């Protein structure tokens, strides 16, 4: 009887052994293979058409937004437009000291924060409520008509908006004439400092609420109708459907717009307020933007205005970063999210 010698090295003929599991044993992975990551140049070549379309926007943004930032150097100079940036002497932090010791600056800060907080409470929720009401309208024709009417004032300039309110609520406006015919006199909301906060909030609501409605209706259009059908089958009424389905769908958009609103907290309507500043006085209508304008452009104190504007920009950046960080803590994406 002959015996056959079996070679000890059978690695080349054996089946491959999967050692991905614990202890080197386990079944071979059954999922699809991970796609190989393409190089940067491959992706640029693939998306070259889209990238070319964004070049004009990037150029405009750089020329009109980032290049002018270099001019902030005058905040550390005693700048004169007749001398120029290169020949203006440096004065260190003197302009910032002037800003923080100026009582008019703090008055402008107080007015800015009061207007922002008031509009955040009484203006920000209105587009959400209107979007929820329009979303409950079943007839598309009625919904489209209401949306178009409400959105129309967004295209009006602030000059036209203030003029319309002047014709309605001013000292010679239509409402004054009606009240005068009924025996009342002295009615003029447009020049009353006590009601100015309500006035500018009403103007903002009338002009820009329609824009917010479009944003929130777009978010509501992404909600799966099957969720509403399932909730109806489970016995949920209209309020419970809104609380458990509609509002959670709007939450990412609400947080995003709230973050942007906080970042824009120190920039309340410049054109809206400067048009009405002379009628009610600087005591209630002077905000940071108008303060910088009158100090820098009207009074010619360019370095002081640049320092005040730079402080405003830094605080706005801190507000955006802080609000975005809070959004991440609550599990939302916010304005941006690390990859």
Protein backbone atom coordinates (compact mmCIF):
# COMPACT_ATOMS: atom_id res chain seq x y z
CA UNK A 1 0.00 0.00 0.00
CA UNK A 2 1.50 3.29 -1.07
CA UNK A 3 1.05 6.50 0.86
CA UNK A 4 0.79 9.89 -0.80
CA UNK A 5 2.55 12.77 0.80
CA UNK A 6 0.32 15.75 1.26
CA UNK A 7 2.13 19.08 0.97
CA UNK A 8 2.08 21.05 4.17
CA UNK A 9 1.79 24.44 2.43
CA UNK A 10 -1.69 24.55 0.95
CA UNK A 11 -2.17 28.28 1.24
CA UNK A 12 -2.34 28.83 -2.51
CA UNK A 13 -5.11 26.27 -2.89
CA UNK A 14 -7.19 26.97 0.21
CA UNK A 15 -10.28 29.12 0.29
CA UNK A 16 -9.77 32.65 1.65
CA UNK A 17 -10.59 32.88 5.32
CA UNK A 18 -12.48 35.88 6.63
CA UNK A 19 -10.87 37.21 9.78
CA UNK A 20 -12.97 40.31 10.22
CA UNK A 21 -15.05 38.90 13.06
CA UNK A 22 -14.10 38.54 16.73
CA UNK A 23 -11.11 36.24 17.13
CA UNK A 24 -10.49 36.19 13.41
CA UNK A 25 -13.61 34.16 12.61
CA UNK A 26 -16.92 35.13 11.15
CA UNK A 27 -18.82 35.23 7.90
CA UNK A 28 -17.66 37.32 5.00
CA UNK A 29 -19.32 40.72 4.72
CA UNK A 30 -22.48 40.60 2.65
CA UNK A 31 -23.03 44.35 2.16
CA UNK A 32 -22.15 46.27 -1.00
CA UNK A 33 -18.51 47.25 -1.35
CA UNK A 34 -17.63 50.72 -0.13
CA UNK A 35 -17.31 53.10 -3.10
CA UNK A 36 -13.83 54.33 -3.73
CA UNK A 37 -13.41 58.00 -2.93
CA UNK A 38 -12.68 60.10 -5.95
CA UNK A 39 -9.85 62.57 -6.02
CA UNK A 40 -10.42 66.31 -5.79
CA UNK A 41 -9.47 66.90 -9.43
CA UNK A 42 -11.85 64.18 -10.58
CA UNK A 43 -14.73 65.82 -8.75
CA UNK A 44 -13.75 69.26 -10.08
CA UNK A 45 -13.73 67.89 -13.62
CA UNK A 46 -17.09 66.26 -13.05
CA UNK A 47 -18.71 69.43 -11.63
CA UNK A 48 -16.87 71.96 -13.79
CA UNK A 49 -20.10 73.33 -15.28
CA UNK A 50 -21.61 74.05 -11.87
CA UNK A 51 -18.35 75.55 -10.63
CA UNK A 52 -18.17 77.89 -13.62
CA UNK A 53 -21.69 79.08 -12.84
CA UNK A 54 -20.63 80.05 -9.32
CA UNK A 55 -17.54 82.01 -10.42
CA UNK A 56 -19.42 85.33 -11.03
CA UNK A 57 -21.09 85.07 -7.61
CA UNK A 58 -17.76 84.37 -5.89
CA UNK A 59 -16.13 87.30 -7.68
CA UNK A 60 -18.94 89.69 -6.73
CA UNK A 61 -18.90 88.45 -3.14
CA UNK A 62 -15.15 88.92 -2.92
CA UNK A 63 -15.15 92.38 -4.48
CA UNK A 64 -18.11 93.82 -2.57
CA UNK A 65 -17.95 91.88 0.73
CA UNK A 66 -14.43 90.67 1.54
CA UNK A 67 -12.14 93.20 -0.12
CA UNK A 68 -13.85 96.13 1.68
CA UNK A 69 -13.05 94.39 4.99
CA UNK A 70 -9.46 95.50 4.49
CA UNK A 71 -10.66 99.04 5.04
CA UNK A 72 -11.37 98.23 8.70
CA UNK A 73 -7.75 99.16 9.35
CA UNK A 74 -8.88 102.78 9.62
CA UNK A 75 -10.41 101.88 13.00
CA UNK A 76 -6.83 102.01 14.33
CA UNK A 77 -5.97 105.20 12.45
CA UNK A 78 -6.78 108.88 12.52
CA UNK A 79 -8.09 108.50 9.01
CA UNK A 80 -8.72 111.33 6.59
CA UNK A 81 -10.01 110.68 3.06
CA UNK A 82 -7.83 113.56 1.84
CA UNK A 83 -4.68 111.79 3.06
CA UNK A 84 -5.56 108.16 2.42
CA UNK A 85 -5.10 104.94 4.37
CA UNK A 86 -1.35 104.64 3.72
CA UNK A 87 -0.52 108.11 5.03
CA UNK A 88 -3.02 108.30 7.92
CA UNK A 89 -1.31 107.97 11.33
CA UNK A 90 -1.99 104.99 13.57
CA UNK A 91 -3.55 105.81 16.94
CA UNK A 92 -3.92 102.30 18.39
CA UNK A 93 -7.11 101.59 20.34
CA UNK A 94 -8.03 105.24 20.83
CA UNK A 95 -11.08 105.07 18.55
CA UNK A 96 -12.45 102.06 20.42
CA UNK A 97 -12.04 103.92 23.71
CA UNK A 98 -14.05 106.77 22.24
CA UNK A 99 -16.76 104.35 21.15
CA UNK A 100 -17.15 102.68 24.54
CA UNK A 101 -17.12 105.96 26.43
CA UNK A 102 -19.68 107.66 24.17
CA UNK A 103 -23.17 107.66 25.78
CA UNK A 104 -24.82 108.05 22.37
CA UNK A 105 -23.31 104.71 21.32
CA UNK A 106 -24.89 102.93 24.28
CA UNK A 107 -28.22 104.62 23.58
CA UNK A 108 -28.04 103.23 20.04
CA UNK A 109 -27.18 99.78 21.42
CA UNK A 110 -30.17 99.92 23.79
CA UNK A 111 -32.57 100.94 21.02
CA UNK A 112 -31.19 98.23 18.73
CA UNK A 113 -31.62 95.48 21.32
CA UNK A 114 -35.11 96.66 22.31
CA UNK A 115 -36.30 96.70 18.69
CA UNK A 116 -34.73 93.31 17.97
CA UNK A 117 -36.17 91.66 21.08
CA UNK A 118 -39.64 93.12 20.46
CA UNK A 119 -39.70 91.98 16.84
CA UNK A 120 -38.31 88.58 17.78
CA UNK A 121 -41.32 88.02 20.05
CA UNK A 122 -44.08 89.70 18.04
CA UNK A 123 -42.86 89.37 14.44
CA UNK A 124 -40.88 86.13 14.16
CA UNK A 125 -43.79 83.77 15.06
CA UNK A 126 -46.28 85.42 12.68
CA UNK A 127 -44.98 83.80 9.43
CA UNK A 128 -45.02 80.42 11.20
CA UNK A 129 -48.64 80.86 12.29
CA UNK A 130 -49.71 82.09 8.85
CA UNK A 131 -47.92 79.17 7.17
CA UNK A 132 -49.75 76.72 9.44
CA UNK A 133 -53.08 78.37 8.61
CA UNK A 134 -52.42 78.34 4.87
CA UNK A 135 -51.26 74.73 5.04
CA UNK A 136 -54.63 73.77 6.51
CA UNK A 137 -56.49 75.33 3.56
CA UNK A 138 -57.53 72.45 1.33
CA UNK A 139 -58.34 74.39 -1.84
CA UNK A 140 -55.08 75.12 -3.72
CA UNK A 141 -56.56 78.12 -5.55
CA UNK A 142 -57.49 79.90 -2.31
CA UNK A 143 -54.10 79.08 -0.80
CA UNK A 144 -52.23 80.44 -3.81
CA UNK A 145 -54.33 83.62 -3.90
CA UNK A 146 -53.78 84.39 -0.22
CA UNK A 147 -50.09 83.62 -0.47
CA UNK A 148 -49.67 85.93 -3.47
CA UNK A 149 -51.50 88.81 -1.77
CA UNK A 150 -49.50 88.48 1.43
CA UNK A 151 -46.19 88.11 -0.42
CA UNK A 152 -46.71 91.16 -2.69
CA UNK A 153 -45.51 93.85 -0.19
CA UNK A 154 -42.10 92.14 -0.02
CA UNK A 155 -41.31 93.72 -3.41
CA UNK A 156 -42.09 97.24 -2.18
CA UNK A 157 -39.24 99.51 -1.16
CA UNK A 158 -39.18 100.96 2.33
CA UNK A 159 -39.81 104.40 0.86
CA UNK A 160 -43.12 103.16 -0.54
CA UNK A 161 -44.01 101.28 2.65
CA UNK A 162 -43.40 104.33 4.85
CA UNK A 163 -45.37 106.48 2.40
CA UNK A 164 -48.36 104.12 2.53
CA UNK A 165 -48.36 104.12 6.32
CA UNK A 166 -48.05 107.91 6.29
CA UNK A 167 -51.11 108.19 4.06
CA UNK A 168 -53.05 105.91 6.39
CA UNK A 169 -51.81 106.77 9.89
CA UNK A 170 -50.15 110.17 9.53
CA UNK A 171 -51.40 113.54 10.73
CA UNK A 172 -53.16 114.12 7.41
CA UNK A 173 -53.89 110.45 6.76
CA UNK A 174 -57.15 108.68 6.14
CA UNK A 175 -57.58 107.38 9.68
CA UNK A 176 -57.03 110.89 11.08
CA UNK A 177 -59.76 112.25 8.83
CA UNK A 178 -62.21 109.55 9.91
CA UNK A 179 -61.52 110.19 13.60
CA UNK A 180 -61.67 113.94 13.07
CA UNK A 181 -65.08 113.57 11.52
CA UNK A 182 -66.14 111.61 14.61
CA UNK A 183 -64.98 114.39 16.93
CA UNK A 184 -61.45 113.21 17.79
CA UNK A 185 -58.34 115.28 17.08
CA UNK A 186 -54.58 115.11 17.51
CA UNK A 187 -54.19 111.62 16.04
CA UNK A 188 -50.73 111.05 14.43
CA UNK A 189 -49.02 107.72 14.98
CA UNK A 190 -46.19 108.50 12.55
CA UNK A 191 -44.69 111.19 14.81
CA UNK A 192 -45.44 109.62 18.20
CA UNK A 193 -42.27 108.27 19.89
CA UNK A 194 -44.32 106.21 22.37
CA UNK A 195 -45.87 104.09 19.62
CA UNK A 196 -42.86 104.02 17.30
CA UNK A 197 -41.86 100.48 18.30
CA UNK A 198 -45.33 99.18 17.45
CA UNK A 199 -45.30 101.14 14.20
CA UNK A 200 -42.03 99.74 12.81
CA UNK A 201 -43.02 96.22 13.88
CA UNK A 202 -46.33 96.53 12.04
CA UNK A 203 -44.48 97.80 8.98
CA UNK A 204 -42.07 94.84 9.09
CA UNK A 205 -44.92 92.36 9.48
CA UNK A 206 -46.85 93.84 6.56
CA UNK A 207 -43.80 93.91 4.31
CA UNK A 208 -41.87 90.71 5.11
CA UNK A 209 -44.29 88.21 6.64
CA UNK A 210 -45.07 86.84 3.17
CA UNK A 211 -41.43 85.95 2.59
CA UNK A 212 -41.35 83.87 5.77
CA UNK A 213 -44.57 82.11 4.78
CA UNK A 214 -42.95 80.84 1.57
CA UNK A 215 -39.99 79.43 3.48
CA UNK A 216 -42.14 77.59 6.00
CA UNK A 217 -44.60 76.32 3.38
CA UNK A 218 -41.64 74.89 1.45
CA UNK A 219 -40.59 73.04 4.60
CA UNK A 220 -44.12 71.74 5.13
CA UNK A 221 -44.25 70.42 1.57
CA UNK A 222 -41.57 67.87 2.47
CA UNK A 223 -43.73 66.19 5.12
CA UNK A 224 -44.91 62.74 4.09
CA UNK A 225 -48.76 62.73 3.85
CA UNK A 226 -48.69 59.14 5.10
CA UNK A 227 -47.74 60.48 8.54
CA UNK A 228 -50.96 62.49 8.71
CA UNK A 229 -53.00 59.53 7.47
CA UNK A 230 -51.45 57.23 10.08
CA UNK A 231 -52.10 59.75 12.85
CA UNK A 232 -55.74 60.09 11.78
CA UNK A 233 -56.10 56.31 11.91
CA UNK A 234 -54.67 56.40 15.44
CA UNK A 235 -57.26 58.96 16.49
CA UNK A 236 -55.10 62.10 16.59
CA UNK A 237 -57.05 65.32 16.22
CA UNK A 238 -55.92 68.41 14.31
CA UNK A 239 -53.99 69.93 17.22
CA UNK A 240 -52.09 66.73 18.02
CA UNK A 241 -51.17 66.32 14.34
CA UNK A 242 -49.83 69.86 14.29
CA UNK A 243 -47.88 69.35 17.54
CA UNK A 244 -46.37 65.96 16.74
CA UNK A 245 -45.94 66.14 12.94
CA UNK A 246 -46.10 69.68 11.56
CA UNK A 247 -44.06 71.55 14.15
CA UNK A 248 -41.25 68.93 14.28
CA UNK A 249 -41.00 69.24 10.50
CA UNK A 250 -40.62 73.01 10.84
CA UNK A 251 -38.15 72.87 13.73
CA UNK A 252 -34.93 72.77 11.63
CA UNK A 253 -36.08 75.75 9.55
CA UNK A 254 -37.21 77.66 12.64
CA UNK A 255 -33.85 77.13 14.34
CA UNK A 256 -31.95 78.11 11.19
CA UNK A 257 -33.91 81.34 10.75
CA UNK A 258 -33.63 82.07 14.47
CA UNK A 259 -29.84 81.76 14.29
CA UNK A 260 -29.72 84.07 11.29
CA UNK A 261 -32.03 86.48 13.10
CA UNK A 262 -29.74 86.53 16.14
CA UNK A 263 -26.75 87.15 13.90
CA UNK A 264 -28.67 90.05 12.41
CA UNK A 265 -29.80 91.27 15.82
CA UNK A 266 -27.61 94.38 15.73
CA UNK A 267 -28.66 95.19 12.16
CA UNK A 268 -32.26 96.29 12.26
CA UNK A 269 -33.80 98.04 9.27
CA UNK A 270 -31.44 100.89 8.40
CA UNK A 271 -33.53 102.30 5.57
CA UNK A 272 -36.78 101.90 7.48
CA UNK A 273 -35.47 103.76 10.52
CA UNK A 274 -33.50 106.49 8.80
CA UNK A 275 -36.62 107.45 6.84
CA UNK A 276 -38.56 107.99 10.08
CA UNK A 277 -35.78 109.18 12.39
CA UNK A 278 -36.52 112.84 11.79
CA UNK A 279 -40.22 112.42 12.61
CA UNK A 280 -39.87 110.71 16.00
CA UNK A 281 -36.38 111.78 17.05
CA UNK A 282 -33.07 110.02 17.60
CA UNK A 283 -34.06 109.01 21.13
CA UNK A 284 -36.14 106.07 19.90
CA UNK A 285 -35.05 105.67 16.26
CA UNK A 286 -31.25 105.80 16.61
CA UNK A 287 -29.80 102.30 16.13
CA UNK A 288 -26.24 101.19 15.51
CA UNK A 289 -26.45 101.46 11.73
CA UNK A 290 -27.85 104.98 11.78
CA UNK A 291 -25.36 105.93 14.51
CA UNK A 292 -22.45 104.76 12.34
CA UNK A 293 -23.91 106.56 9.33
CA UNK A 294 -24.31 109.91 11.05
CA UNK A 295 -20.94 109.72 12.81
CA UNK A 296 -18.99 108.55 9.78
CA UNK A 297 -20.71 110.00 6.74
CA UNK A 298 -22.49 113.08 8.06
CA UNK A 299 -19.95 114.18 10.72
CA UNK A 300 -16.91 112.89 8.83
CA UNK A 301 -15.48 110.92 11.78
CA UNK A 302 -14.57 107.90 9.67
CA UNK A 303 -12.29 106.13 12.14
CA UNK A 304 -14.80 106.40 14.98
CA UNK A 305 -17.59 105.01 12.76
CA UNK A 306 -15.32 102.17 11.55
CA UNK A 307 -14.52 101.21 15.15
CA UNK A 308 -18.22 101.19 16.08
CA UNK A 309 -19.10 99.14 13.00
CA UNK A 310 -16.30 96.66 13.72
CA UNK A 311 -17.52 96.16 17.28
CA UNK A 312 -21.00 95.51 15.93
CA UNK A 313 -19.69 92.97 13.42
CA UNK A 314 -17.68 91.06 16.03
CA UNK A 315 -20.64 90.87 18.42
CA UNK A 316 -22.89 89.65 15.57
CA UNK A 317 -20.37 86.94 14.71
CA UNK A 318 -20.26 85.81 18.34
CA UNK A 319 -24.07 85.64 18.42
CA UNK A 320 -24.15 83.48 15.28
CA UNK A 321 -21.46 81.09 16.54
CA UNK A 322 -23.08 80.85 19.97
CA UNK A 323 -26.57 80.22 18.61
CA UNK A 324 -25.20 77.67 16.15
CA UNK A 325 -23.40 75.85 18.99
CA UNK A 326 -26.63 75.73 20.99
CA UNK A 327 -28.41 74.28 17.94
CA UNK A 328 -25.79 71.52 17.77
CA UNK A 329 -26.36 70.73 21.45
CA UNK A 330 -30.06 70.17 20.71
CA UNK A 331 -29.23 67.94 17.74
CA UNK A 332 -29.95 70.39 14.93
CA UNK A 333 -27.64 71.19 12.02
CA UNK A 334 -27.89 74.97 12.36
CA UNK A 335 -26.16 77.19 9.81
CA UNK A 336 -23.22 74.84 9.38
CA UNK A 337 -22.04 71.57 10.81
CA UNK A 338 -18.63 70.01 10.97
CA UNK A 339 -18.11 67.10 8.59
